[in-house]
Every structure is written in C-alpha cells, then in structure tokens.
C-alpha cells in the first residue's frame, strides 16, 4: 500500500525540516512531497535536504497547490499536512489506517475538540472557525467538528473525483462540503494542535480570507442545494409581497378607494421575482439531481478501475 504525504508550503523555512523529519519517522514507508508555492526563504532546499521530494506550483494559493498535488500524485492513501509544524505526526498512522483498512474517503484531523482554542491566541481565527462550523453543518446537514483543518487523509476515490475550484485557503471548506454533499465516508480523529513557533507567521488573513470562505459557502450552497437557496430568496420576496398587500388592502377598506396603486404594482413585480426564483430553484434542482447520478456512476467506474489496478 503506497502512502503519499502532501505538504503545501509557502515560506516555511523555520519549520519545514522538522515537519518532514517527523512524518518520515511516523510513516517510514511513505513518500513525502513538498510543493513549494513561490517561497523566497529557501523552503525548498531545506525540505529537499530533509529527504522530501520537492515539486513546485507557480500559481499562488493553497487551492492551486492542492489541485496540482491531486493531479500529479497516485497513491493508495494521501495524507495532507501544513508545513508550519502545528500538527503532531503521532496521529498520522490512525488517520491512514482509517483510509486503508476501514474505507474512509476523507479523515478530518479535528483540532477544535482538542487544544486549538487554548493554543491559538488569535481571537478572530477562533470565532471564524466556530462560525464556519455552524454554517456548514446547518446548511449541509453535517456534524463535522472542524471544517477548516489542514490535517486530512484521503482515499484515491476522493482525490481523483474532487473538483478543486478554490484558489486559496477556502479549499478545506470546499473539501468538507463536497464530502457531505456526495455522502462520502467522512471520519474524524481528534488531534492535538500547537501554535506556530515564535517567528513563524501565518499567511491567513482573517478578514479577506474569512470573506472568501463565507462567499465560498454561499456559492456551494447555491450549487449543491439550489432549491433551498432559491426557495429562501423566493420566500423573502413573497413575504414582502404579503406585507405590502396587507398595507394596500387596509388602505382600500378604510377609504373605499385604491390609493396605493404604485405599491400594488410593486407587489406584482415582487411576486413575479419570487416566482422566477422558485422556478430557477426547481429547474436547477433537477440538473443537480442528474449530476449526482452521473457522479455516482463515475465513482463506481473509478472504484472498479482502482480495484483492477491493485
């Protein structure tokens, strides 16, 4: 069974050597891949000296790196880890075992149920993780404890069927939503978390990257759950229509004259907008249903192909 450890990196010279060494010790039979994303501090040379296979992705952004990793590397199990030494290697074997022996499609390294909130001193990061967790689980009917963790293990079935659309840090949220929507075998392992060592700087911008994550959730909700998404919009239009119609009728019954004609016209336009939204949701929901059936068939064919290769 082949195992590939995937480490996307951007300016992690302070920690990458230790990360490579730790995971070589934890998974001695694994191939350690470090994908350098335009680092300027010699991250690639340090990783190579530590024994990693170093490759490069010139398009900036974690999502771009992971897209290239997933396309280029073939393995029976993939373990993805950040290069900042915030995740201990001792959980790696448990995560790999769930993929290789128990058929998990994605294993999530759950920081939030462990030491994350005590180790991480950035209050906005903590609040953001909680917000994203609540949103994703509510909208996509999941119960995942850590949506944005960078510590994950994957099956080849997940890696080769996951359409990477994100370019940046929103990629982890996209992975989780994809697994929930496609009803994949998603497992979680509680992992310890330690804050970055002194001098190591996070590349995550709380405001800009947080906005991208929330936007990605909204877009994926529209794409994966169009009837519910457009149904909410239609409900808002219909509710406004009802309120305005009550105002018009109340005025009419008080005066026996239709005095709010412009308001009544506005009610008509809002009703049409709500009806169009509802129809859009119904049509797109049918399209999504067909796409899901096609995805399941492609999963079956890929699974058969992978079994024959073994």
Foldseek 3Di string as FASTA:
>chain_A
DEEEEEEEDAQQLVFQLVVLLQQCVQPVRYAYEYEYAPHDPCNQVSNVVSPHHYHYDPQDAPLSSLLVVLVPDDGQKYKYDYRQPFFGNNCVVVQRCCVPPVPAAKEAAAAQVACCVVQDPDVLVVVLQVVLQVLLCVLLVHNDRGQQDRTMMGGNLLSVLQDRDDGHSLRSNSSVSVCSLLVGRYHYDHTHTHDGPPPDDDPDDSPPVSVVNVVVSLVVSCQRQVQVNLLVVLVVLVVVLVVLVVVQVVVCVVPVDRPPVVSNVVSVVSNVVSVVSNVVSVVSVVVSVVVSVVSVVVSVVVVVVVVVVD
